[in-house]
């Protein structure tokens, strides 16, 4: 089974992106470890204006129920989309 998210605080908006009223989607590639902690967080699709780093910082605080194989926790490589929208 794939890991599933159990704790995901929203990322902060960068001041630069807020001033420009910029919105977009950052895609990160992440290894969710056997312990449910994300590691090896890499940017796959960048949007710039400081949002890439804000997405990376936020995802590092997220927690997952780990993926399993044959009932045992395993590390799984996943892509995560972080949406930045101004309301």
N, C-alpha and C. Protein backbone atom coordinates (compact mmCIF):
# COMPACT_ATOMS: atom_id res chain seq x y z
N UNK A 1 0.83 -1.19 0.00
CA UNK A 1 0.00 0.00 0.00
C UNK A 1 0.87 1.25 0.00
N UNK A 2 0.37 2.28 -0.62
CA UNK A 2 1.08 3.55 -0.67
C UNK A 2 0.96 4.27 0.67
N UNK A 3 1.92 5.13 0.99
CA UNK A 3 1.81 5.92 2.22
C UNK A 3 0.63 6.89 2.11
N UNK A 4 0.05 7.24 3.23
CA UNK A 4 -0.97 8.29 3.18
C UNK A 4 -0.71 9.34 4.25
N UNK A 5 -1.10 10.53 3.89
CA UNK A 5 -0.82 11.71 4.68
C UNK A 5 -1.66 11.74 5.94
N UNK A 6 -1.01 12.03 7.08
CA UNK A 6 -1.76 12.15 8.33
C UNK A 6 -1.58 13.52 8.99
N UNK A 7 -0.59 14.30 8.54
CA UNK A 7 -0.35 15.62 9.10
C UNK A 7 0.29 16.47 8.02
N UNK A 8 -0.40 17.55 7.61
CA UNK A 8 0.12 18.36 6.50
C UNK A 8 -0.19 19.84 6.66
N UNK A 9 0.56 20.53 7.53
CA UNK A 9 0.34 21.97 7.66
C UNK A 9 0.58 22.69 6.32
N UNK A 10 -0.21 23.72 6.10
CA UNK A 10 -0.10 24.51 4.87
C UNK A 10 1.26 25.21 4.79
N UNK A 11 1.82 25.29 3.60
CA UNK A 11 3.06 26.06 3.44
C UNK A 11 2.77 27.56 3.54
N UNK A 12 3.78 28.30 3.95
CA UNK A 12 3.66 29.75 3.97
C UNK A 12 3.84 30.27 2.56
N UNK A 13 3.26 31.42 2.30
CA UNK A 13 3.47 32.10 1.02
C UNK A 13 4.71 32.96 1.16
N UNK A 14 5.56 32.99 0.16
CA UNK A 14 6.73 33.88 0.23
C UNK A 14 6.24 35.32 0.02
N UNK A 15 6.91 36.25 0.65
CA UNK A 15 6.54 37.67 0.53
C UNK A 15 6.62 38.12 -0.93
N UNK A 16 7.66 37.66 -1.61
CA UNK A 16 7.87 38.02 -3.01
C UNK A 16 6.69 37.57 -3.88
N UNK A 17 6.25 36.32 -3.69
CA UNK A 17 5.13 35.79 -4.48
C UNK A 17 3.83 36.50 -4.12
N UNK A 18 3.65 36.83 -2.86
CA UNK A 18 2.42 37.53 -2.43
C UNK A 18 2.34 38.91 -3.08
N UNK A 19 3.47 39.63 -3.11
CA UNK A 19 3.50 40.96 -3.73
C UNK A 19 3.15 40.88 -5.21
N UNK A 20 3.61 39.83 -5.88
CA UNK A 20 3.37 39.66 -7.32
C UNK A 20 2.02 39.00 -7.59
N UNK A 21 1.30 38.62 -6.51
CA UNK A 21 0.04 37.88 -6.61
C UNK A 21 0.22 36.62 -7.48
N UNK A 22 1.31 35.95 -7.22
CA UNK A 22 1.71 34.79 -8.01
C UNK A 22 1.13 33.51 -7.43
N UNK A 23 0.63 32.65 -8.30
CA UNK A 23 0.08 31.35 -7.88
C UNK A 23 0.73 30.27 -8.73
N UNK A 24 0.75 29.05 -8.21
CA UNK A 24 1.32 27.96 -8.99
C UNK A 24 1.38 26.67 -8.19
N UNK A 25 1.91 25.64 -8.83
CA UNK A 25 2.02 24.32 -8.22
C UNK A 25 3.48 23.89 -8.25
N UNK A 26 4.03 23.59 -7.07
CA UNK A 26 5.38 23.05 -6.96
C UNK A 26 5.24 21.53 -6.85
N UNK A 27 6.02 20.80 -7.64
CA UNK A 27 6.00 19.34 -7.54
C UNK A 27 7.32 18.89 -6.91
N UNK A 28 7.19 18.10 -5.85
CA UNK A 28 8.35 17.59 -5.12
C UNK A 28 8.39 16.07 -5.23
N UNK A 29 9.59 15.53 -5.29
CA UNK A 29 9.78 14.09 -5.22
C UNK A 29 10.34 13.80 -3.83
N UNK A 30 9.68 12.88 -3.13
CA UNK A 30 9.98 12.65 -1.72
C UNK A 30 10.05 11.15 -1.45
N UNK A 31 11.00 10.74 -0.63
CA UNK A 31 11.01 9.38 -0.12
C UNK A 31 10.32 9.41 1.24
N UNK A 32 9.20 8.68 1.36
CA UNK A 32 8.53 8.54 2.65
C UNK A 32 9.12 7.29 3.29
N UNK A 33 9.83 7.48 4.40
CA UNK A 33 10.53 6.39 5.05
C UNK A 33 9.60 5.42 5.77
N UNK A 34 10.19 4.34 6.25
CA UNK A 34 9.44 3.33 7.00
C UNK A 34 8.81 3.92 8.25
N UNK A 35 9.37 5.05 8.72
CA UNK A 35 8.88 5.71 9.93
C UNK A 35 7.81 6.77 9.63
N UNK A 36 7.50 6.97 8.33
CA UNK A 36 6.50 7.96 7.95
C UNK A 36 7.02 9.37 7.80
N UNK A 37 8.35 9.53 7.98
CA UNK A 37 8.95 10.85 7.84
C UNK A 37 9.46 11.04 6.42
N UNK A 38 9.21 12.23 5.83
CA UNK A 38 9.73 12.48 4.48
C UNK A 38 11.24 12.74 4.52
N UNK A 39 11.92 12.28 3.49
CA UNK A 39 13.35 12.56 3.36
C UNK A 39 13.69 12.66 1.88
N UNK A 40 14.89 13.12 1.59
CA UNK A 40 15.33 13.30 0.20
C UNK A 40 14.31 14.10 -0.60
N UNK A 41 13.91 15.26 -0.06
CA UNK A 41 12.91 16.10 -0.71
C UNK A 41 13.57 16.88 -1.84
N UNK A 42 13.14 16.60 -3.08
CA UNK A 42 13.72 17.25 -4.27
C UNK A 42 12.64 17.95 -5.07
N UNK A 43 12.99 19.10 -5.62
CA UNK A 43 12.05 19.85 -6.45
C UNK A 43 12.07 19.27 -7.86
N UNK A 44 10.91 18.86 -8.34
CA UNK A 44 10.77 18.32 -9.69
C UNK A 44 10.25 19.39 -10.65
N UNK A 45 9.26 20.18 -10.17
CA UNK A 45 8.76 21.30 -10.98
C UNK A 45 8.74 22.54 -10.11
N UNK A 46 9.47 23.54 -10.56
CA UNK A 46 9.68 24.77 -9.83
C UNK A 46 8.71 25.85 -10.31
N UNK A 47 8.31 26.75 -9.39
CA UNK A 47 7.54 27.93 -9.81
C UNK A 47 8.26 29.22 -9.46
N UNK A 48 9.30 29.15 -8.65
CA UNK A 48 10.10 30.32 -8.35
C UNK A 48 9.47 31.26 -7.32
N UNK A 49 10.00 32.48 -7.25
CA UNK A 49 9.58 33.52 -6.32
C UNK A 49 9.56 33.06 -4.86
N UNK A 50 10.45 32.15 -4.52
CA UNK A 50 10.56 31.69 -3.14
C UNK A 50 9.58 30.59 -2.75
N UNK A 51 8.65 30.25 -3.64
CA UNK A 51 7.64 29.24 -3.30
C UNK A 51 8.21 27.83 -3.26
N UNK A 52 9.24 27.56 -4.05
CA UNK A 52 9.85 26.22 -4.05
C UNK A 52 10.38 25.88 -2.67
N UNK A 53 11.11 26.82 -2.07
CA UNK A 53 11.67 26.59 -0.73
C UNK A 53 10.58 26.49 0.31
N UNK A 54 9.54 27.30 0.19
CA UNK A 54 8.42 27.23 1.14
C UNK A 54 7.74 25.87 1.05
N UNK A 55 7.60 25.34 -0.16
CA UNK A 55 6.99 24.02 -0.34
C UNK A 55 7.88 22.95 0.29
N UNK A 56 9.18 23.03 0.05
CA UNK A 56 10.13 22.06 0.60
C UNK A 56 10.11 22.09 2.13
N UNK A 57 10.13 23.30 2.70
CA UNK A 57 10.10 23.44 4.17
C UNK A 57 8.83 22.80 4.74
N UNK A 58 7.69 23.07 4.12
CA UNK A 58 6.42 22.55 4.62
C UNK A 58 6.39 21.02 4.56
N UNK A 59 6.78 20.46 3.42
CA UNK A 59 6.70 19.00 3.25
C UNK A 59 7.62 18.28 4.23
N UNK A 60 8.73 18.90 4.59
CA UNK A 60 9.63 18.28 5.58
C UNK A 60 8.96 18.13 6.95
N UNK A 61 7.90 18.91 7.22
CA UNK A 61 7.19 18.80 8.51
C UNK A 61 6.01 17.84 8.44
N UNK A 62 5.66 17.41 7.25
CA UNK A 62 4.51 16.51 7.08
C UNK A 62 4.82 15.13 7.65
N UNK A 63 3.78 14.40 8.02
CA UNK A 63 3.91 13.03 8.51
C UNK A 63 2.95 12.13 7.75
N UNK A 64 3.39 10.92 7.53
CA UNK A 64 2.63 9.94 6.76
C UNK A 64 2.47 8.65 7.54
N UNK A 65 1.40 7.92 7.26
CA UNK A 65 1.35 6.51 7.63
C UNK A 65 2.18 5.85 6.55
N UNK A 66 3.23 5.12 6.90
CA UNK A 66 4.15 4.61 5.88
C UNK A 66 3.49 3.63 4.92
N UNK A 67 4.11 3.53 3.74
CA UNK A 67 3.66 2.52 2.78
C UNK A 67 4.00 1.14 3.33
N UNK A 68 3.26 0.16 2.88
CA UNK A 68 3.52 -1.20 3.35
C UNK A 68 3.61 -2.18 2.19
N UNK A 69 4.37 -3.22 2.42
CA UNK A 69 4.46 -4.32 1.48
C UNK A 69 4.46 -5.60 2.32
N UNK A 70 3.54 -6.48 2.02
CA UNK A 70 3.37 -7.71 2.81
C UNK A 70 3.20 -7.40 4.30
N UNK A 71 2.47 -6.29 4.58
CA UNK A 71 2.19 -5.94 5.96
C UNK A 71 3.32 -5.26 6.72
N UNK A 72 4.44 -5.04 6.05
CA UNK A 72 5.59 -4.40 6.71
C UNK A 72 5.82 -3.01 6.14
N UNK A 73 6.20 -2.05 6.99
CA UNK A 73 6.47 -0.70 6.48
C UNK A 73 7.69 -0.69 5.55
N UNK A 74 7.57 0.07 4.47
CA UNK A 74 8.68 0.20 3.51
C UNK A 74 8.81 1.66 3.09
N UNK A 75 10.00 2.03 2.65
CA UNK A 75 10.22 3.37 2.09
C UNK A 75 9.63 3.40 0.68
N UNK A 76 8.97 4.52 0.36
CA UNK A 76 8.32 4.65 -0.94
C UNK A 76 8.64 6.02 -1.52
N UNK A 77 8.97 6.05 -2.81
CA UNK A 77 9.21 7.30 -3.53
C UNK A 77 7.87 7.81 -4.06
N UNK A 78 7.52 9.05 -3.72
CA UNK A 78 6.25 9.63 -4.16
C UNK A 78 6.47 11.04 -4.70
N UNK A 79 5.57 11.47 -5.57
CA UNK A 79 5.53 12.86 -6.03
C UNK A 79 4.42 13.56 -5.27
N UNK A 80 4.71 14.75 -4.80
CA UNK A 80 3.73 15.54 -4.05
C UNK A 80 3.57 16.89 -4.73
N UNK A 81 2.32 17.28 -4.95
CA UNK A 81 2.02 18.61 -5.50
C UNK A 81 1.65 19.53 -4.35
N UNK A 82 2.29 20.69 -4.31
CA UNK A 82 1.96 21.70 -3.31
C UNK A 82 1.38 22.90 -4.07
N UNK A 83 0.11 23.17 -3.82
CA UNK A 83 -0.59 24.25 -4.52
C UNK A 83 -0.48 25.55 -3.75
N UNK A 84 -0.13 26.61 -4.45
CA UNK A 84 -0.10 27.93 -3.87
C UNK A 84 -1.17 28.76 -4.55
N UNK A 85 -2.18 29.14 -3.77
CA UNK A 85 -3.31 29.92 -4.29
C UNK A 85 -3.56 31.08 -3.35
N UNK A 86 -3.78 32.25 -3.91
CA UNK A 86 -4.18 33.41 -3.11
C UNK A 86 -5.71 33.47 -3.15
N UNK A 87 -6.30 33.73 -2.00
CA UNK A 87 -7.77 33.76 -1.93
C UNK A 87 -8.25 35.18 -1.80
